N, C-alpha and C. Protein backbone atom coordinates (compact mmCIF):
# COMPACT_ATOMS: atom_id res chain seq x y z
N UNK A 1 -1.46 -61.74 -24.26
CA UNK A 1 -0.05 -61.71 -24.57
C UNK A 1 0.42 -63.14 -24.82
N UNK A 2 1.15 -63.38 -25.90
CA UNK A 2 1.60 -64.74 -26.19
C UNK A 2 2.63 -65.24 -25.17
N UNK A 3 2.66 -66.50 -25.03
CA UNK A 3 3.56 -67.18 -24.10
C UNK A 3 4.99 -67.12 -24.64
N UNK A 4 5.96 -66.83 -23.80
CA UNK A 4 7.36 -66.76 -24.22
C UNK A 4 7.89 -68.17 -24.45
N UNK A 5 8.40 -68.43 -25.62
CA UNK A 5 8.96 -69.73 -25.96
C UNK A 5 10.48 -69.62 -26.08
N UNK A 6 11.22 -70.56 -25.50
CA UNK A 6 12.68 -70.51 -25.62
C UNK A 6 13.12 -70.85 -27.05
N UNK A 7 14.30 -70.37 -27.42
CA UNK A 7 14.86 -70.68 -28.72
C UNK A 7 16.21 -71.37 -28.51
N UNK A 8 16.79 -71.89 -29.56
CA UNK A 8 18.09 -72.55 -29.48
C UNK A 8 19.18 -71.51 -29.69
N UNK A 9 19.92 -71.16 -28.64
CA UNK A 9 20.94 -70.11 -28.80
C UNK A 9 22.20 -70.64 -29.48
N UNK A 10 22.93 -69.75 -30.14
CA UNK A 10 24.20 -70.11 -30.76
C UNK A 10 25.37 -69.72 -29.87
N UNK A 11 25.12 -69.08 -28.75
CA UNK A 11 26.15 -68.68 -27.80
C UNK A 11 25.52 -68.71 -26.41
N UNK A 12 26.21 -68.24 -25.40
CA UNK A 12 25.73 -68.29 -24.03
C UNK A 12 24.85 -67.09 -23.73
N UNK A 13 23.64 -67.10 -24.31
CA UNK A 13 22.67 -66.04 -24.09
C UNK A 13 21.40 -66.63 -23.50
N UNK A 14 20.68 -65.80 -22.78
CA UNK A 14 19.42 -66.21 -22.19
C UNK A 14 18.44 -66.59 -23.30
N UNK A 15 17.74 -67.70 -23.12
CA UNK A 15 16.80 -68.15 -24.15
C UNK A 15 15.53 -67.32 -24.17
N UNK A 16 15.30 -66.49 -23.17
CA UNK A 16 14.07 -65.71 -23.10
C UNK A 16 14.28 -64.25 -23.52
N UNK A 17 15.35 -63.61 -23.03
CA UNK A 17 15.51 -62.18 -23.32
C UNK A 17 16.81 -61.88 -24.08
N UNK A 18 17.62 -62.86 -24.38
CA UNK A 18 18.85 -62.73 -25.18
C UNK A 18 19.96 -61.95 -24.47
N UNK A 19 19.87 -61.78 -23.16
CA UNK A 19 20.96 -61.18 -22.39
C UNK A 19 22.01 -62.25 -22.12
N UNK A 20 23.22 -61.89 -21.71
CA UNK A 20 24.21 -62.92 -21.36
C UNK A 20 23.68 -63.84 -20.27
N UNK A 21 23.82 -65.14 -20.48
CA UNK A 21 23.27 -66.14 -19.56
C UNK A 21 24.11 -66.25 -18.30
N UNK A 22 23.44 -66.45 -17.18
CA UNK A 22 24.12 -66.66 -15.90
C UNK A 22 24.29 -68.13 -15.59
N UNK A 23 23.40 -68.96 -16.12
CA UNK A 23 23.47 -70.39 -15.87
C UNK A 23 22.20 -71.08 -16.31
N UNK A 24 22.13 -72.41 -16.14
CA UNK A 24 20.96 -73.16 -16.58
C UNK A 24 19.84 -73.15 -15.54
N UNK A 25 18.62 -73.32 -16.02
CA UNK A 25 17.46 -73.50 -15.15
C UNK A 25 17.59 -74.86 -14.46
N UNK A 26 17.24 -74.93 -13.19
CA UNK A 26 17.35 -76.18 -12.44
C UNK A 26 16.34 -77.22 -12.90
N UNK A 27 15.27 -76.81 -13.54
CA UNK A 27 14.23 -77.74 -13.96
C UNK A 27 14.43 -78.22 -15.39
N UNK A 28 14.55 -77.29 -16.34
CA UNK A 28 14.60 -77.67 -17.75
C UNK A 28 15.99 -77.57 -18.36
N UNK A 29 16.92 -76.89 -17.70
CA UNK A 29 18.28 -76.78 -18.20
C UNK A 29 18.49 -75.67 -19.22
N UNK A 30 17.47 -74.87 -19.50
CA UNK A 30 17.61 -73.76 -20.45
C UNK A 30 18.51 -72.68 -19.87
N UNK A 31 19.39 -72.12 -20.69
CA UNK A 31 20.26 -71.05 -20.23
C UNK A 31 19.44 -69.79 -19.97
N UNK A 32 19.61 -69.19 -18.79
CA UNK A 32 18.83 -68.02 -18.42
C UNK A 32 19.72 -66.98 -17.77
N UNK A 33 19.29 -65.72 -17.87
CA UNK A 33 19.99 -64.65 -17.16
C UNK A 33 19.36 -64.51 -15.77
N UNK A 34 19.93 -63.68 -14.95
CA UNK A 34 19.43 -63.50 -13.60
C UNK A 34 18.07 -62.85 -13.52
N UNK A 35 17.66 -62.12 -14.55
CA UNK A 35 16.36 -61.47 -14.55
C UNK A 35 15.23 -62.41 -14.92
N UNK A 36 15.52 -63.51 -15.58
CA UNK A 36 14.48 -64.43 -16.06
C UNK A 36 14.31 -65.65 -15.17
N UNK A 37 14.93 -65.66 -14.01
CA UNK A 37 14.79 -66.79 -13.09
C UNK A 37 14.31 -66.30 -11.73
N UNK A 38 13.77 -67.22 -10.97
CA UNK A 38 13.41 -66.98 -9.58
C UNK A 38 14.22 -67.94 -8.73
N UNK A 39 14.75 -67.47 -7.63
CA UNK A 39 15.49 -68.34 -6.72
C UNK A 39 14.51 -68.96 -5.74
N UNK A 40 14.50 -70.30 -5.71
CA UNK A 40 13.64 -71.00 -4.77
C UNK A 40 14.52 -71.91 -3.92
N UNK A 41 14.09 -72.18 -2.72
CA UNK A 41 14.89 -72.98 -1.80
C UNK A 41 14.65 -74.45 -2.03
N UNK A 42 15.71 -75.18 -2.27
CA UNK A 42 15.65 -76.63 -2.35
C UNK A 42 15.87 -77.22 -0.97
N UNK A 43 16.25 -78.47 -0.88
CA UNK A 43 16.49 -79.10 0.40
C UNK A 43 17.72 -78.52 1.08
N UNK A 44 18.78 -78.26 0.31
CA UNK A 44 20.02 -77.76 0.89
C UNK A 44 20.38 -76.37 0.38
N UNK A 45 20.21 -76.13 -0.90
CA UNK A 45 20.65 -74.86 -1.50
C UNK A 45 19.53 -74.24 -2.31
N UNK A 46 19.74 -72.99 -2.67
CA UNK A 46 18.79 -72.30 -3.53
C UNK A 46 18.98 -72.75 -4.96
N UNK A 47 17.88 -72.81 -5.70
CA UNK A 47 17.91 -73.20 -7.10
C UNK A 47 17.34 -72.08 -7.95
N UNK A 48 17.92 -71.85 -9.10
CA UNK A 48 17.42 -70.86 -10.05
C UNK A 48 16.52 -71.59 -11.04
N UNK A 49 15.23 -71.21 -11.05
CA UNK A 49 14.25 -71.85 -11.91
C UNK A 49 13.62 -70.77 -12.79
N UNK A 50 13.54 -71.04 -14.09
CA UNK A 50 12.96 -70.05 -15.00
C UNK A 50 11.47 -69.88 -14.72
N UNK A 51 10.95 -68.75 -15.09
CA UNK A 51 9.54 -68.43 -14.79
C UNK A 51 8.57 -69.33 -15.54
N UNK A 52 8.98 -69.85 -16.69
CA UNK A 52 8.12 -70.78 -17.42
C UNK A 52 7.93 -72.07 -16.64
N UNK A 53 9.00 -72.59 -16.06
CA UNK A 53 8.90 -73.81 -15.25
C UNK A 53 8.10 -73.54 -13.97
N UNK A 54 8.26 -72.36 -13.38
CA UNK A 54 7.48 -72.02 -12.20
C UNK A 54 6.00 -71.93 -12.53
N UNK A 55 5.67 -71.38 -13.70
CA UNK A 55 4.27 -71.28 -14.11
C UNK A 55 3.66 -72.65 -14.35
N UNK A 56 4.49 -73.62 -14.71
CA UNK A 56 4.01 -74.99 -14.93
C UNK A 56 3.95 -75.78 -13.63
N UNK A 57 4.32 -75.15 -12.51
CA UNK A 57 4.19 -75.81 -11.21
C UNK A 57 5.40 -76.57 -10.75
N UNK A 58 6.59 -76.20 -11.21
CA UNK A 58 7.81 -76.89 -10.77
C UNK A 58 8.01 -76.70 -9.28
N UNK A 59 8.32 -77.77 -8.61
CA UNK A 59 8.65 -77.74 -7.19
C UNK A 59 9.92 -78.58 -7.01
N UNK A 60 10.93 -78.07 -6.35
CA UNK A 60 12.18 -78.83 -6.23
C UNK A 60 11.98 -80.12 -5.44
N UNK A 61 12.84 -81.10 -5.72
CA UNK A 61 12.73 -82.40 -5.06
C UNK A 61 12.85 -82.27 -3.55
N UNK A 62 13.64 -81.33 -3.08
CA UNK A 62 13.80 -81.14 -1.64
C UNK A 62 12.51 -80.72 -0.97
N UNK A 63 11.70 -79.92 -1.65
CA UNK A 63 10.43 -79.49 -1.09
C UNK A 63 9.48 -80.68 -0.96
N UNK A 64 9.52 -81.59 -1.92
CA UNK A 64 8.67 -82.78 -1.83
C UNK A 64 9.08 -83.66 -0.65
N UNK A 65 10.39 -83.79 -0.44
CA UNK A 65 10.87 -84.59 0.67
C UNK A 65 10.45 -83.96 2.00
N UNK A 66 10.60 -82.65 2.10
CA UNK A 66 10.20 -81.97 3.33
C UNK A 66 8.70 -82.10 3.59
N UNK A 67 7.89 -82.04 2.53
CA UNK A 67 6.45 -82.20 2.71
C UNK A 67 6.10 -83.61 3.16
N UNK A 68 6.77 -84.61 2.61
CA UNK A 68 6.48 -85.99 2.99
C UNK A 68 6.92 -86.31 4.41
N UNK A 69 7.99 -85.68 4.85
CA UNK A 69 8.48 -85.92 6.21
C UNK A 69 7.83 -84.96 7.20
N UNK A 70 7.71 -83.70 6.82
CA UNK A 70 7.22 -82.67 7.73
C UNK A 70 5.75 -82.78 8.07
N UNK A 71 4.92 -83.15 7.11
CA UNK A 71 3.48 -83.23 7.37
C UNK A 71 3.14 -84.29 8.42
N UNK A 72 3.67 -85.51 8.33
CA UNK A 72 3.37 -86.49 9.38
C UNK A 72 3.94 -86.09 10.75
N UNK A 73 5.11 -85.48 10.76
CA UNK A 73 5.70 -85.05 12.04
C UNK A 73 4.83 -83.99 12.69
N UNK A 74 4.35 -83.04 11.91
CA UNK A 74 3.47 -82.01 12.45
C UNK A 74 2.15 -82.60 12.92
N UNK A 75 1.62 -83.59 12.21
CA UNK A 75 0.38 -84.24 12.63
C UNK A 75 0.56 -84.96 13.96
N UNK A 76 1.68 -85.64 14.14
CA UNK A 76 1.95 -86.35 15.40
C UNK A 76 2.12 -85.34 16.54
N UNK A 77 2.82 -84.26 16.29
CA UNK A 77 2.98 -83.23 17.32
C UNK A 77 1.64 -82.62 17.72
N UNK A 78 0.79 -82.35 16.75
CA UNK A 78 -0.53 -81.81 17.06
C UNK A 78 -1.35 -82.80 17.86
N UNK A 79 -1.27 -84.08 17.53
CA UNK A 79 -1.98 -85.12 18.27
C UNK A 79 -1.47 -85.21 19.70
N UNK A 80 -0.17 -85.12 19.89
CA UNK A 80 0.41 -85.16 21.24
C UNK A 80 -0.02 -83.94 22.06
N UNK A 81 -0.07 -82.78 21.44
CA UNK A 81 -0.53 -81.59 22.15
C UNK A 81 -1.99 -81.71 22.56
N UNK A 82 -2.81 -82.23 21.66
CA UNK A 82 -4.23 -82.43 22.01
C UNK A 82 -4.39 -83.45 23.12
N UNK A 83 -3.61 -84.51 23.08
CA UNK A 83 -3.65 -85.53 24.13
C UNK A 83 -3.20 -84.96 25.46
N UNK A 84 -2.13 -84.17 25.45
CA UNK A 84 -1.64 -83.54 26.70
C UNK A 84 -2.67 -82.58 27.25
N UNK A 85 -3.36 -81.84 26.39
CA UNK A 85 -4.39 -80.90 26.84
C UNK A 85 -5.59 -81.65 27.40
N UNK A 86 -5.94 -82.79 26.80
CA UNK A 86 -7.09 -83.56 27.27
C UNK A 86 -6.82 -84.22 28.62
N UNK A 87 -5.59 -84.57 28.88
CA UNK A 87 -5.23 -85.25 30.15
C UNK A 87 -5.11 -84.29 31.32
N UNK A 88 -5.09 -83.02 31.08
CA UNK A 88 -4.99 -82.04 32.18
C UNK A 88 -6.21 -82.00 32.96
């Protein structure tokens, strides 16, 4: 099946299925309807990202921040738990 390519709309219609658009994609800015987007959680709020951007591996900036902060914190907590278990 061929890949869906967006087109340049002349009105506020979804670039993928031509339904009335609900708003822009958080990644590429293409106008999309509610059926052509997936809601993903950012750092503070949910973001609507089109399925094409999701297939290309889009990840919101908030998720990157959480991974950079959360991974070291979890590693330190695991190390502290192992140390506490070893000292018993």
